[in-house]
Amino acid sequence: MITLKRINNLRFRMSRQLHIQACDIHRNWLWHTGGKEYYTRHYQDILEAHKWVFIVGCNNSGTTLLQKALEKCGQISVMKFEGQRHTNTLPRAYKYGFDRVWSEYAEDLHMPINNSAAILPRLVHDWISALPKPVNQVIVEKTPANLVRMDFLNKHFPHAYFIGLVRNGYAVAEGIKRRSGHSLERAAKHWKRVGELLTRNSQEVANYLEVRYEDLAENPTANIAKLAEFIGLETGAPSDVKAEAFALPTERGCIKQSIQNLNSESISRLTVAEKKSIYKHAGAMLDLYDYSTNPALQKKQSPL
């Protein structure tokens, strides 16, 4: 059955793909009209000159909101879209039929640590070209699926920092089902798989800090200040970050949203049977993150 939601999702995907193709053509032109020569010679110096902060985690966890909040600190540069959208040197998590459940083909998104350094000049070219000028020392890139290639980024970006964002799996699964039309089973398995990847891959990098969506929503000023300290910013979060309404792109267009905990609203849409189904497929990870005692659990405040 073709629903209005599915039509809107298809329209959004087609519009996004056309924009990506146009930008790819433009970047290829830049690369072949001087970019290749310059970045082949200087990409290592550019990598050394910046701190690269990668926000990773499961989609529908608030990664875009977190990036927007960090941007309010100043002293950082961010791309308009996810980093994967600004380059075709990395596999993109846009496979048709797998929207928001990219962990189902995580192996295809991984970049081998060795034998992949050849793409670095082009990758640096693409990402630097996508940033507003002048480029600040700290660059914050947000692609949730980059958690699959944390080892690659950690090896080739000498000053790499990773922020892992974790949110209640019941709320995430409901959001994926509502926004993509996938079954709760697929959504729950995706959240579980992302948690497993994050737990494993975070142990392989030098600089990693995990943040809970619930803690961020409860006290955004303190948690953004903690992140600012982690990545070495001289200033913390502005005092009004909690009241700020950030512009977020969606399938329906751009919406304004402040930092707030929407778990209860999302979980309230689930039936008892649906909550049981989510636990059936993601129970081990829900237990690990202390989300399973009560499906509506607002994660206990962790000390800063």
C-alpha atoms as a PDB file:
ATOM      1  CA  MET A   1       0.000   0.000   0.000  1.00  0.00           C
ATOM      2  CA  ILE A   2       1.381   3.380  -1.026  1.00  0.00           C
ATOM      3  CA  THR A   3       0.944   5.877   1.811  1.00  0.00           C
ATOM      4  CA  LEU A   4       1.524   9.616   1.936  1.00  0.00           C
ATOM      5  CA  LYS A   5       4.442   9.006   4.278  1.00  0.00           C
ATOM      6  CA  ARG A   6       6.062   6.662   1.777  1.00  0.00           C
ATOM      7  CA  ILE A   7       5.526   9.157  -1.039  1.00  0.00           C
ATOM      8  CA  ASN A   8       7.118  11.924   1.043  1.00  0.00           C
ATOM      9  CA  ASN A   9      10.053   9.685   1.933  1.00  0.00           C
ATOM     10  CA  LEU A  10      10.584   8.813  -1.713  1.00  0.00           C
ATOM     11  CA  ARG A  11      10.383  12.456  -2.697  1.00  0.00           C
ATOM     12  CA  PHE A  12      12.935  13.334  -0.015  1.00  0.00           C
ATOM     13  CA  ARG A  13      15.302  10.567  -1.178  1.00  0.00           C
ATOM     14  CA  MET A  14      15.052  11.621  -4.827  1.00  0.00           C
ATOM     15  CA  SER A  15      15.676  15.270  -3.964  1.00  0.00           C
ATOM     16  CA  ARG A  16      18.642  14.334  -1.785  1.00  0.00           C
ATOM     17  CA  GLN A  17      20.120  12.073  -4.455  1.00  0.00           C
ATOM     18  CA  LEU A  18      19.853  14.741  -7.147  1.00  0.00           C
ATOM     19  CA  HIS A  19      21.566  17.245  -4.860  1.00  0.00           C
ATOM     20  CA  ILE A  20      24.323  14.755  -4.022  1.00  0.00           C
ATOM     21  CA  GLN A  21      24.954  14.017  -7.702  1.00  0.00           C
ATOM     22  CA  ALA A  22      25.177  17.722  -8.544  1.00  0.00           C
ATOM     23  CA  CYS A  23      27.600  18.310  -5.674  1.00  0.00           C
ATOM     24  CA  ASP A  24      29.696  15.298  -6.686  1.00  0.00           C
ATOM     25  CA  ILE A  25      30.072  16.771 -10.171  1.00  0.00           C
ATOM     26  CA  HIS A  26      31.107  20.124  -8.722  1.00  0.00           C
ATOM     27  CA  ARG A  27      33.639  18.524  -6.374  1.00  0.00           C
ATOM     28  CA  ASN A  28      35.112  16.499  -9.245  1.00  0.00           C
ATOM     29  CA  TRP A  29      35.581  19.718 -11.175  1.00  0.00           C
ATOM     30  CA  LEU A  30      37.349  21.340  -8.205  1.00  0.00           C
ATOM     31  CA  TRP A  31      39.545  18.287  -7.768  1.00  0.00           C
ATOM     32  CA  HIS A  32      40.665  18.188 -11.393  1.00  0.00           C
ATOM     33  CA  THR A  33      41.220  21.958 -11.726  1.00  0.00           C
ATOM     34  CA  GLY A  34      43.900  22.357  -9.088  1.00  0.00           C
ATOM     35  CA  GLY A  35      42.634  20.509  -6.057  1.00  0.00           C
ATOM     36  CA  LYS A  36      44.358  17.227  -6.848  1.00  0.00           C
ATOM     37  CA  GLU A  37      47.809  18.777  -7.181  1.00  0.00           C
ATOM     38  CA  TYR A  38      47.467  20.922  -4.041  1.00  0.00           C
ATOM     39  CA  TYR A  39      45.950  18.339  -1.704  1.00  0.00           C
ATOM     40  CA  THR A  40      48.237  15.528  -2.837  1.00  0.00           C
ATOM     41  CA  ARG A  41      51.139  17.677  -1.659  1.00  0.00           C
ATOM     42  CA  HIS A  42      49.577  19.211   1.454  1.00  0.00           C
ATOM     43  CA  TYR A  43      46.885  16.890   2.820  1.00  0.00           C
ATOM     44  CA  GLN A  44      49.117  15.612   5.637  1.00  0.00           C
ATOM     45  CA  ASP A  45      49.846  19.159   6.792  1.00  0.00           C
ATOM     46  CA  ILE A  46      46.111  19.921   6.742  1.00  0.00           C
ATOM     47  CA  LEU A  47      45.327  16.797   8.756  1.00  0.00           C
ATOM     48  CA  GLU A  48      47.962  17.784  11.331  1.00  0.00           C
ATOM     49  CA  ALA A  49      46.687  21.375  11.553  1.00  0.00           C
ATOM     50  CA  HIS A  50      43.205  20.436  12.773  1.00  0.00           C
ATOM     51  CA  LYS A  51      41.405  18.477  15.437  1.00  0.00           C
ATOM     52  CA  TRP A  52      38.810  16.256  13.799  1.00  0.00           C
ATOM     53  CA  VAL A  53      35.829  15.436  15.995  1.00  0.00           C
ATOM     54  CA  PHE A  54      33.540  12.651  14.778  1.00  0.00           C
ATOM     55  CA  ILE A  55      30.026  12.293  16.227  1.00  0.00           C
ATOM     56  CA  VAL A  56      28.878   8.686  15.858  1.00  0.00           C
ATOM     57  CA  GLY A  57      26.053   6.511  17.105  1.00  0.00           C
ATOM     58  CA  CYS A  58      22.625   5.326  16.047  1.00  0.00           C
ATOM     59  CA  ASN A  59      20.475   7.540  13.866  1.00  0.00           C
ATOM     60  CA  ASN A  60      17.407   9.007  15.633  1.00  0.00           C
ATOM     61  CA  SER A  61      19.575   9.529  18.716  1.00  0.00           C
ATOM     62  CA  GLY A  62      20.039  13.294  18.498  1.00  0.00           C
ATOM     63  CA  THR A  63      23.393  13.455  16.697  1.00  0.00           C
ATOM     64  CA  THR A  64      22.322  16.420  14.562  1.00  0.00           C
ATOM     65  CA  LEU A  65      21.083  18.286  17.628  1.00  0.00           C
ATOM     66  CA  LEU A  66      24.356  17.585  19.413  1.00  0.00           C
ATOM     67  CA  GLN A  67      26.381  18.933  16.498  1.00  0.00           C
ATOM     68  CA  LYS A  68      24.245  22.068  16.375  1.00  0.00           C
ATOM     69  CA  ALA A  69      24.717  22.603  20.115  1.00  0.00           C
ATOM     70  CA  LEU A  70      28.496  22.189  19.867  1.00  0.00           C
ATOM     71  CA  GLU A  71      28.534  24.706  17.031  1.00  0.00           C
ATOM     72  CA  LYS A  72      27.106  27.290  19.442  1.00  0.00           C
ATOM     73  CA  CYS A  73      30.362  27.117  21.409  1.00  0.00           C
ATOM     74  CA  GLY A  74      32.172  28.834  18.552  1.00  0.00           C
ATOM     75  CA  GLN A  75      35.724  27.987  17.494  1.00  0.00           C
ATOM     76  CA  ILE A  76      34.574  25.004  15.428  1.00  0.00           C
ATOM     77  CA  SER A  77      33.715  24.402  11.803  1.00  0.00           C
ATOM     78  CA  VAL A  78      30.926  22.084  10.648  1.00  0.00           C
ATOM     79  CA  MET A  79      29.650  20.932   7.268  1.00  0.00           C
ATOM     80  CA  LYS A  80      26.120  21.678   6.143  1.00  0.00           C
ATOM     81  CA  PHE A  81      25.236  17.981   5.862  1.00  0.00           C
ATOM     82  CA  GLU A  82      26.664  14.704   7.108  1.00  0.00           C
ATOM     83  CA  GLY A  83      30.267  14.217   6.071  1.00  0.00           C
ATOM     84  CA  GLN A  84      29.357  11.170   3.978  1.00  0.00           C
ATOM     85  CA  ARG A  85      27.194  13.399   1.813  1.00  0.00           C
ATOM     86  CA  HIS A  86      30.122  15.699   1.028  1.00  0.00           C
ATOM     87  CA  THR A  87      32.384  13.005  -0.422  1.00  0.00           C
ATOM     88  CA  ASN A  88      32.138   9.858  -2.528  1.00  0.00           C
ATOM     89  CA  THR A  89      35.442   8.474  -1.290  1.00  0.00           C
ATOM     90  CA  LEU A  90      33.630   6.732   1.590  1.00  0.00           C
ATOM     91  CA  PRO A  91      30.737   4.300   1.115  1.00  0.00           C
ATOM     92  CA  ARG A  92      27.483   6.137   1.835  1.00  0.00           C
ATOM     93  CA  ALA A  93      24.802   4.758   4.127  1.00  0.00           C
ATOM     94  CA  TYR A  94      22.018   5.578   1.668  1.00  0.00           C
ATOM     95  CA  LYS A  95      21.240   2.123   0.296  1.00  0.00           C
ATOM     96  CA  TYR A  96      17.702   1.929  -1.041  1.00  0.00           C
ATOM     97  CA  GLY A  97      15.392  -0.099   1.167  1.00  0.00           C
ATOM     98  CA  PHE A  98      17.711   0.242   4.166  1.00  0.00           C
ATOM     99  CA  ASP A  99      16.963   3.822   5.205  1.00  0.00           C
ATOM    100  CA  ARG A 100      17.904   4.262   8.892  1.00  0.00           C
ATOM    101  CA  VAL A 101      18.944   0.604   9.274  1.00  0.00           C
ATOM    102  CA  TRP A 102      22.398   0.787   7.698  1.00  0.00           C
ATOM    103  CA  SER A 103      23.887  -1.668  10.230  1.00  0.00           C
ATOM    104  CA  GLU A 104      22.332  -4.421   8.106  1.00  0.00           C
ATOM    105  CA  TYR A 105      25.128  -3.839   5.580  1.00  0.00           C
ATOM    106  CA  ALA A 106      27.795  -2.488   7.938  1.00  0.00           C
ATOM    107  CA  GLU A 107      30.489  -4.596   6.296  1.00  0.00           C
ATOM    108  CA  ASP A 108      30.007  -2.667   3.058  1.00  0.00           C
ATOM    109  CA  LEU A 109      30.559   0.640   4.887  1.00  0.00           C
ATOM    110  CA  HIS A 110      33.801  -0.348   6.585  1.00  0.00           C
ATOM    111  CA  MET A 111      37.115   1.031   5.327  1.00  0.00           C
ATOM    112  CA  PRO A 112      40.208  -1.177   5.683  1.00  0.00           C
ATOM    113  CA  ILE A 113      42.934   0.453   7.766  1.00  0.00           C
ATOM    114  CA  ASN A 114      45.622  -0.538   5.272  1.00  0.00           C
ATOM    115  CA  ASN A 115      45.542  -0.052   1.510  1.00  0.00           C
ATOM    116  CA  SER A 116      43.130   2.884   1.821  1.00  0.00           C
ATOM    117  CA  ALA A 117      45.501   5.785   2.469  1.00  0.00           C
ATOM    118  CA  ALA A 118      45.388   6.636  -1.250  1.00  0.00           C
ATOM    119  CA  ILE A 119      41.941   8.191  -0.822  1.00  0.00           C
ATOM    120  CA  LEU A 120      43.072  10.622   1.895  1.00  0.00           C
ATOM    121  CA  PRO A 121      44.065  13.562  -0.354  1.00  0.00           C
ATOM    122  CA  ARG A 122      40.653  13.449  -2.032  1.00  0.00           C
ATOM    123  CA  LEU A 123      38.786  12.937   1.264  1.00  0.00           C
ATOM    124  CA  VAL A 124      40.529  15.919   2.878  1.00  0.00           C
ATOM    125  CA  HIS A 125      39.885  17.991  -0.244  1.00  0.00           C
ATOM    126  CA  ASP A 126      36.187  17.168  -0.217  1.00  0.00           C
ATOM    127  CA  TRP A 127      35.647  17.857   3.484  1.00  0.00           C
ATOM    128  CA  ILE A 128      37.705  21.059   3.607  1.00  0.00           C
ATOM    129  CA  SER A 129      35.918  22.319   0.492  1.00  0.00           C
ATOM    130  CA  ALA A 130      32.567  21.743   2.247  1.00  0.00           C
ATOM    131  CA  LEU A 131      33.466  23.922   5.242  1.00  0.00           C
ATOM    132  CA  PRO A 132      32.778  27.650   5.595  1.00  0.00           C
ATOM    133  CA  LYS A 133      35.900  29.767   5.338  1.00  0.00           C
ATOM    134  CA  PRO A 134      38.037  30.454   7.251  1.00  0.00           C
ATOM    135  CA  VAL A 135      38.263  26.942   8.624  1.00  0.00           C
ATOM    136  CA  ASN A 136      38.688  26.750  12.401  1.00  0.00           C
ATOM    137  CA  GLN A 137      41.212  24.483  14.062  1.00  0.00           C
ATOM    138  CA  VAL A 138      38.472  22.174  15.380  1.00  0.00           C
ATOM    139  CA  ILE A 139      36.294  20.457  12.775  1.00  0.00           C
ATOM    140  CA  VAL A 140      33.190  18.553  13.903  1.00  0.00           C
ATOM    141  CA  GLU A 141      31.874  15.955  11.459  1.00  0.00           C
ATOM    142  CA  LYS A 142      28.622  14.071  12.006  1.00  0.00           C
ATOM    143  CA  THR A 143      27.919  10.802  10.213  1.00  0.00           C
ATOM    144  CA  PRO A 144      26.398   8.185  12.553  1.00  0.00           C
ATOM    145  CA  ALA A 145      27.589   5.344  10.302  1.00  0.00           C
ATOM    146  CA  ASN A 146      31.205   6.455  10.711  1.00  0.00           C
ATOM    147  CA  LEU A 147      31.234   4.292  13.835  1.00  0.00           C
ATOM    148  CA  VAL A 148      31.800   1.404  11.388  1.00  0.00           C
ATOM    149  CA  ARG A 149      35.099   2.977  10.278  1.00  0.00           C
ATOM    150  CA  MET A 150      36.360   4.474  13.543  1.00  0.00           C
ATOM    151  CA  ASP A 151      39.586   2.482  13.227  1.00  0.00           C
ATOM    152  CA  PHE A 152      40.234   3.947   9.778  1.00  0.00           C
ATOM    153  CA  LEU A 153      39.586   7.523  10.918  1.00  0.00           C
ATOM    154  CA  ASN A 154      41.618   7.039  14.097  1.00  0.00           C
ATOM    155  CA  LYS A 155      44.622   5.788  12.132  1.00  0.00           C
ATOM    156  CA  HIS A 156      44.691   8.411   9.399  1.00  0.00           C
ATOM    157  CA  PHE A 157      43.486  11.520  11.256  1.00  0.00           C
ATOM    158  CA  PRO A 158      46.290  12.246  13.739  1.00  0.00           C
ATOM    159  CA  HIS A 159      44.157  14.390  16.078  1.00  0.00           C
ATOM    160  CA  ALA A 160      40.905  12.419  15.984  1.00  0.00           C
ATOM    161  CA  TYR A 161      38.272  12.605  18.711  1.00  0.00           C
ATOM    162  CA  PHE A 162      35.100  10.538  18.831  1.00  0.00           C
ATOM    163  CA  ILE A 163      31.836  11.342  20.588  1.00  0.00           C
ATOM    164  CA  GLY A 164      29.432   8.412  20.866  1.00  0.00           C
ATOM    165  CA  LEU A 165      25.806   9.346  21.464  1.00  0.00           C
ATOM    166  CA  VAL A 166      23.491   6.728  22.994  1.00  0.00           C
ATOM    167  CA  ARG A 167      19.707   6.996  23.401  1.00  0.00           C
ATOM    168  CA  ASN A 168      16.982   4.773  24.854  1.00  0.00           C
ATOM    169  CA  GLY A 169      16.478   1.916  22.386  1.00  0.00           C
ATOM    170  CA  TYR A 170      12.695   1.909  22.773  1.00  0.00           C
ATOM    171  CA  ALA A 171      12.501   5.549  21.644  1.00  0.00           C
ATOM    172  CA  VAL A 172      14.986   5.015  18.821  1.00  0.00           C
ATOM    173  CA  ALA A 173      13.173   1.955  17.470  1.00  0.00           C
ATOM    174  CA  GLU A 174       9.841   3.772  17.555  1.00  0.00           C
ATOM    175  CA  GLY A 175      11.332   6.729  15.700  1.00  0.00           C
ATOM    176  CA  ILE A 176      12.846   4.534  12.995  1.00  0.00           C
ATOM    177  CA  LYS A 177       9.544   2.709  12.501  1.00  0.00           C
ATOM    178  CA  ARG A 178       7.582   5.953  12.351  1.00  0.00           C
ATOM    179  CA  ARG A 179       9.936   7.781  10.002  1.00  0.00           C
ATOM    180  CA  SER A 180      11.029   4.962   7.679  1.00  0.00           C
ATOM    181  CA  GLY A 181       8.154   2.482   7.824  1.00  0.00           C
ATOM    182  CA  HIS A 182      10.435  -0.417   8.788  1.00  0.00           C
ATOM    183  CA  SER A 183       9.215  -3.027  11.238  1.00  0.00           C
ATOM    184  CA  LEU A 184      10.008  -2.656  14.929  1.00  0.00           C
ATOM    185  CA  GLU A 185      11.992  -5.874  14.651  1.00  0.00           C
ATOM    186  CA  ARG A 186      14.351  -4.350  12.082  1.00  0.00           C
ATOM    187  CA  ALA A 187      14.572  -1.113  14.041  1.00  0.00           C
ATOM    188  CA  ALA A 188      15.348  -2.863  17.337  1.00  0.00           C
ATOM    189  CA  LYS A 189      17.948  -5.135  15.744  1.00  0.00           C
ATOM    190  CA  HIS A 190      19.575  -2.085  14.144  1.00  0.00           C
ATOM    191  CA  TRP A 191      19.797  -0.257  17.488  1.00  0.00           C
ATOM    192  CA  LYS A 192      21.264  -3.381  19.106  1.00  0.00           C
ATOM    193  CA  ARG A 193      23.809  -3.879  16.332  1.00  0.00           C
ATOM    194  CA  VAL A 194      24.872  -0.226  16.490  1.00  0.00           C
ATOM    195  CA  GLY A 195      25.351  -0.562  20.241  1.00  0.00           C
ATOM    196  CA  GLU A 196      27.518  -3.640  19.738  1.00  0.00           C
ATOM    197  CA  LEU A 197      29.628  -1.866  17.115  1.00  0.00           C
ATOM    198  CA  LEU A 198      30.007   1.219  19.289  1.00  0.00           C
ATOM    199  CA  THR A 199      31.018  -0.844  22.311  1.00  0.00           C
ATOM    200  CA  ARG A 200      33.613  -2.745  20.295  1.00  0.00           C
ATOM    201  CA  ASN A 201      35.014  -0.003  18.078  1.00  0.00           C
ATOM    202  CA  SER A 202      35.286   2.643  20.791  1.00  0.00           C
ATOM    203  CA  GLN A 203      37.917   0.466  22.460  1.00  0.00           C
ATOM    204  CA  GLU A 204      40.132   0.764  19.385  1.00  0.00           C
ATOM    205  CA  VAL A 205      40.501   4.576  19.363  1.00  0.00           C
ATOM    206  CA  ALA A 206      42.604   6.904  21.486  1.00  0.00           C
ATOM    207  CA  ASN A 207      40.098   9.667  22.284  1.00  0.00           C
ATOM    208  CA  TYR A 208      36.516   8.628  22.948  1.00  0.00           C
ATOM    209  CA  LEU A 209      33.733  10.036  25.105  1.00  0.00           C
ATOM    210  CA  GLU A 210      30.256   8.560  25.375  1.00  0.00           C
ATOM    211  CA  VAL A 211      27.248  10.771  26.025  1.00  0.00           C
ATOM    212  CA  ARG A 212      23.682   9.769  26.833  1.00  0.00           C
ATOM    213  CA  TYR A 213      20.891  11.587  25.041  1.00  0.00           C
ATOM    214  CA  GLU A 214      18.987  11.689  28.321  1.00  0.00           C
ATOM    215  CA  ASP A 215      21.853  13.391  30.168  1.00  0.00           C
ATOM    216  CA  LEU A 216      22.284  15.893  27.358  1.00  0.00           C
ATOM    217  CA  ALA A 217      18.595  16.784  27.465  1.00  0.00           C
ATOM    218  CA  GLU A 218      18.536  16.997  31.277  1.00  0.00           C
ATOM    219  CA  ASN A 219      21.502  19.343  31.542  1.00  0.00           C
ATOM    220  CA  PRO A 220      22.665  20.521  28.107  1.00  0.00           C
ATOM    221  CA  THR A 221      24.862  23.350  29.365  1.00  0.00           C
ATOM    222  CA  ALA A 222      26.933  21.118  31.649  1.00  0.00           C
ATOM    223  CA  ASN A 223      27.202  18.278  29.133  1.00  0.00           C
ATOM    224  CA  ILE A 224      28.148  20.532  26.211  1.00  0.00           C
ATOM    225  CA  ALA A 225      30.745  22.147  28.486  1.00  0.00           C
ATOM    226  CA  LYS A 226      32.091  18.663  29.254  1.00  0.00           C
ATOM    227  CA  LEU A 227      32.346  17.893  25.534  1.00  0.00           C
ATOM    228  CA  ALA A 228      33.978  21.258  24.845  1.00  0.00           C
ATOM    229  CA  GLU A 229      36.623  20.435  27.433  1.00  0.00           C
ATOM    230  CA  PHE A 230      37.105  16.984  25.921  1.00  0.00           C
ATOM    231  CA  ILE A 231      37.883  18.388  22.472  1.00  0.00           C
ATOM    232  CA  GLY A 232      39.923  21.292  23.843  1.00  0.00           C
ATOM    233  CA  LEU A 233      37.716  24.297  23.214  1.00  0.00           C
ATOM    234  CA  GLU A 234      38.603  27.378  25.239  1.00  0.00           C
ATOM    235  CA  THR A 235      34.965  28.290  25.798  1.00  0.00           C
ATOM    236  CA  GLY A 236      32.180  26.093  27.102  1.00  0.00           C
ATOM    237  CA  ALA A 237      28.512  26.013  26.167  1.00  0.00           C
ATOM    238  CA  PRO A 238      26.616  29.311  26.070  1.00  0.00           C
ATOM    239  CA  SER A 239      24.189  29.695  28.959  1.00  0.00           C
ATOM    240  CA  ASP A 240      21.186  29.849  26.631  1.00  0.00           C
ATOM    241  CA  VAL A 241      21.908  26.560  24.800  1.00  0.00           C
ATOM    242  CA  LYS A 242      18.934  24.852  26.479  1.00  0.00           C
ATOM    243  CA  ALA A 243      16.526  27.493  25.187  1.00  0.00           C
ATOM    244  CA  GLU A 244      17.986  27.601  21.676  1.00  0.00           C
ATOM    245  CA  ALA A 245      15.733  26.357  18.881  1.00  0.00           C
ATOM    246  CA  PHE A 246      17.965  24.636  16.313  1.00  0.00           C
ATOM    247  CA  ALA A 247      17.052  24.194  12.654  1.00  0.00           C
ATOM    248  CA  LEU A 248      16.966  20.487  11.800  1.00  0.00           C
ATOM    249  CA  PRO A 249      16.439  19.057   8.290  1.00  0.00           C
ATOM    250  CA  THR A 250      13.747  16.374   7.986  1.00  0.00           C
ATOM    251  CA  GLU A 251      11.808  14.596   5.263  1.00  0.00           C
ATOM    252  CA  ARG A 252       9.112  17.227   5.719  1.00  0.00           C
ATOM    253  CA  GLY A 253      11.497  20.150   5.485  1.00  0.00           C
ATOM    254  CA  CYS A 254      13.350  22.130   8.121  1.00  0.00           C
ATOM    255  CA  ILE A 255      11.931  22.202  11.651  1.00  0.00           C
ATOM    256  CA  LYS A 256      12.934  24.072  14.798  1.00  0.00           C
ATOM    257  CA  GLN A 257      13.711  22.005  17.880  1.00  0.00           C
ATOM    258  CA  SER A 258      15.302  22.716  21.234  1.00  0.00           C
ATOM    259  CA  ILE A 259      17.280  20.244  23.335  1.00  0.00           C
ATOM    260  CA  GLN A 260      14.631  18.311  25.227  1.00  0.00           C
ATOM    261  CA  ASN A 261      13.976  14.723  26.194  1.00  0.00           C
ATOM    262  CA  LEU A 262      11.354  13.316  23.812  1.00  0.00           C
ATOM    263  CA  ASN A 263      11.644   9.720  25.015  1.00  0.00           C
ATOM    264  CA  SER A 264       8.330   9.635  26.876  1.00  0.00           C
ATOM    265  CA  GLU A 265       6.480  11.083  23.903  1.00  0.00           C
ATOM    266  CA  SER A 266       8.027   8.521  21.582  1.00  0.00           C
ATOM    267  CA  ILE A 267       7.619   5.521  23.891  1.00  0.00           C
ATOM    268  CA  SER A 268       3.981   6.436  24.605  1.00  0.00           C
ATOM    269  CA  ARG A 269       3.212   5.531  20.981  1.00  0.00           C
ATOM    270  CA  LEU A 270       4.257   1.918  21.616  1.00  0.00           C
ATOM    271  CA  THR A 271       1.861  -0.767  22.732  1.00  0.00           C
ATOM    272  CA  VAL A 272       2.807  -3.265  25.417  1.00  0.00           C
ATOM    273  CA  ALA A 273       3.236  -5.909  22.723  1.00  0.00           C
ATOM    274  CA  GLU A 274       5.541  -3.611  20.732  1.00  0.00           C
ATOM    275  CA  LYS A 275       7.690  -2.925  23.793  1.00  0.00           C
ATOM    276  CA  LYS A 276       7.983  -6.676  24.362  1.00  0.00           C
ATOM    277  CA  SER A 277       8.984  -7.137  20.717  1.00  0.00           C
ATOM    278  CA  ILE A 278      11.737  -4.535  21.028  1.00  0.00           C
ATOM    279  CA  TYR A 279      13.075  -6.212  24.155  1.00  0.00           C
ATOM    280  CA  LYS A 280      12.939  -9.595  22.455  1.00  0.00           C
ATOM    281  CA  HIS A 281      15.283  -8.401  19.709  1.00  0.00           C
ATOM    282  CA  ALA A 282      17.489  -5.950  21.643  1.00  0.00           C
ATOM    283  CA  GLY A 283      17.183  -7.030  25.271  1.00  0.00           C
ATOM    284  CA  ALA A 284      20.881  -7.684  25.904  1.00  0.00           C
ATOM    285  CA  MET A 285      21.880  -4.206  24.784  1.00  0.00           C
ATOM    286  CA  LEU A 286      18.944  -2.580  26.603  1.00  0.00           C
ATOM    287  CA  ASP A 287      20.146  -4.333  29.766  1.00  0.00           C
ATOM    288  CA  LEU A 288      23.727  -3.228  29.192  1.00  0.00           C
ATOM    289  CA  TYR A 289      22.704   0.414  28.880  1.00  0.00           C
ATOM    290  CA  ASP A 290      20.235   0.149  31.780  1.00  0.00           C
ATOM    291  CA  TYR A 291      17.200   0.910  29.619  1.00  0.00           C
ATOM    292  CA  SER A 292      15.259  -2.299  30.171  1.00  0.00           C
ATOM    293  CA  THR A 293      13.971  -2.065  33.760  1.00  0.00           C
ATOM    294  CA  ASN A 294      11.243   0.280  32.594  1.00  0.00           C
ATOM    295  CA  PRO A 295      10.634   0.918  28.870  1.00  0.00           C
ATOM    296  CA  ALA A 296       9.981   4.587  29.655  1.00  0.00           C
ATOM    297  CA  LEU A 297      13.136   4.786  31.763  1.00  0.00           C
ATOM    298  CA  GLN A 298      14.885   8.117  31.721  1.00  0.00           C
ATOM    299  CA  LYS A 299      18.460   7.002  32.125  1.00  0.00           C
ATOM    300  CA  LYS A 300      19.876   7.718  35.595  1.00  0.00           C
ATOM    301  CA  GLN A 301      21.928  10.908  35.629  1.00  0.00           C
ATOM    302  CA  SER A 302      25.594  10.081  35.224  1.00  0.00           C
ATOM    303  CA  PRO A 303      28.145  12.209  37.068  1.00  0.00           C
ATOM    304  CA  LEU A 304      29.917  14.846  35.023  1.00  0.00           C
END
